[in-house]
Amino acid sequence: MRTPAPPGLEHAIAYAGTAGLLVLAYPVQPVWLIIGSLSAYSGLMELLQTFSPGRHPGLDGMLWSSAGAILGSLLVALLRFRMR
């Protein structure tokens, strides 16, 4: 379901939430690994859109998703650090 928000912002919010939850769920994993994994995943999803009728891959989708992953994971890591 689409929202009135721009598609890039939707990507960023979705990946920020996912990254934040992963940082909370796996506290021993390095934050860079979570960011890298989600960025690679977003790139793969964009690439696979080539094979889906009516969809088109785009670098902008991957960049928005990666930015969301960075923002969400660093925000939660910072909050976790400050609460100690």
Protein backbone atom coordinates (compact mmCIF):
# COMPACT_ATOMS: atom_id res chain seq x y z
CA MET A 1 0.00 0.00 0.00
CA ARG A 2 1.36 3.40 -0.97
CA THR A 3 1.29 6.43 1.27
CA PRO A 4 1.23 10.07 0.18
CA ALA A 5 4.94 10.26 1.06
CA PRO A 6 7.53 10.21 -1.74
CA PRO A 7 8.73 6.67 -2.58
CA GLY A 8 12.29 7.44 -1.48
CA LEU A 9 11.09 8.51 1.94
CA GLU A 10 9.06 5.31 2.24
CA HIS A 11 12.19 3.30 1.49
CA ALA A 12 14.23 5.23 4.05
CA ILE A 13 11.64 4.85 6.81
CA ALA A 14 11.19 1.13 6.18
CA TYR A 15 14.92 0.43 6.21
CA ALA A 16 15.53 2.72 9.21
CA GLY A 17 12.97 0.79 11.23
CA THR A 18 14.37 -2.55 10.13
CA ALA A 19 17.95 -1.52 10.88
CA GLY A 20 16.99 -0.16 14.29
CA LEU A 21 15.24 -3.39 15.21
CA LEU A 22 18.20 -5.46 14.00
CA VAL A 23 20.63 -3.41 16.11
CA LEU A 24 18.41 -4.01 19.14
CA ALA A 25 17.95 -7.71 18.39
CA TYR A 26 21.64 -8.44 17.72
CA PRO A 27 23.66 -6.24 20.10
CA VAL A 28 26.90 -8.19 19.62
CA GLN A 29 26.90 -7.72 15.85
CA PRO A 30 28.85 -4.72 14.56
CA VAL A 31 26.62 -1.90 13.34
CA TRP A 32 28.56 -1.69 10.07
CA LEU A 33 27.64 -5.33 9.33
CA ILE A 34 23.93 -4.61 9.74
CA ILE A 35 24.21 -1.49 7.56
CA GLY A 36 26.19 -3.35 4.89
CA SER A 37 23.82 -6.31 4.86
CA LEU A 38 20.73 -4.14 4.48
CA SER A 39 22.40 -2.04 1.78
CA ALA A 40 23.36 -5.17 -0.16
CA TYR A 41 19.83 -6.51 0.29
CA SER A 42 18.31 -3.28 -1.04
CA GLY A 43 20.62 -3.45 -4.06
CA LEU A 44 19.56 -7.02 -4.74
CA MET A 45 15.88 -6.11 -4.47
CA GLU A 46 16.36 -3.26 -6.94
CA LEU A 47 18.20 -5.57 -9.34
CA LEU A 48 15.50 -8.23 -9.13
CA GLN A 49 12.88 -5.67 -10.18
CA THR A 50 14.27 -6.13 -13.69
CA PHE A 51 12.39 -9.45 -13.85
CA SER A 52 9.06 -8.13 -12.52
CA PRO A 53 6.65 -6.70 -15.10
CA GLY A 54 5.72 -3.11 -14.41
CA ARG A 55 8.67 -2.52 -12.09
CA HIS A 56 11.99 -0.89 -12.86
CA PRO A 57 15.23 -0.92 -10.90
CA GLY A 58 16.75 2.34 -9.82
CA LEU A 59 19.86 3.48 -8.04
CA ASP A 60 17.80 6.05 -6.17
CA GLY A 61 15.81 3.32 -4.40
CA MET A 62 18.97 1.65 -3.22
CA LEU A 63 20.45 4.95 -2.04
CA TRP A 64 17.32 5.90 -0.11
CA SER A 65 17.18 2.44 1.48
CA SER A 66 20.86 2.53 2.40
CA ALA A 67 20.48 6.00 3.89
CA GLY A 68 17.58 4.74 6.00
CA ALA A 69 19.63 1.75 7.16
CA ILE A 70 22.49 4.03 8.17
CA LEU A 71 20.23 6.48 9.97
CA GLY A 72 18.18 3.86 11.81
CA SER A 73 21.08 1.72 12.95
CA LEU A 74 23.25 4.63 14.08
CA LEU A 75 20.36 6.26 15.90
CA VAL A 76 19.54 3.10 17.87
CA ALA A 77 23.23 2.40 18.53
CA LEU A 78 23.66 5.93 19.86
CA LEU A 79 20.57 5.65 22.07
CA ARG A 80 21.73 2.26 23.38
CA PHE A 81 25.17 3.71 24.15
CA ARG A 82 23.71 6.71 26.00
CA MET A 83 21.43 4.53 28.12
CA ARG A 84 24.36 2.56 29.55
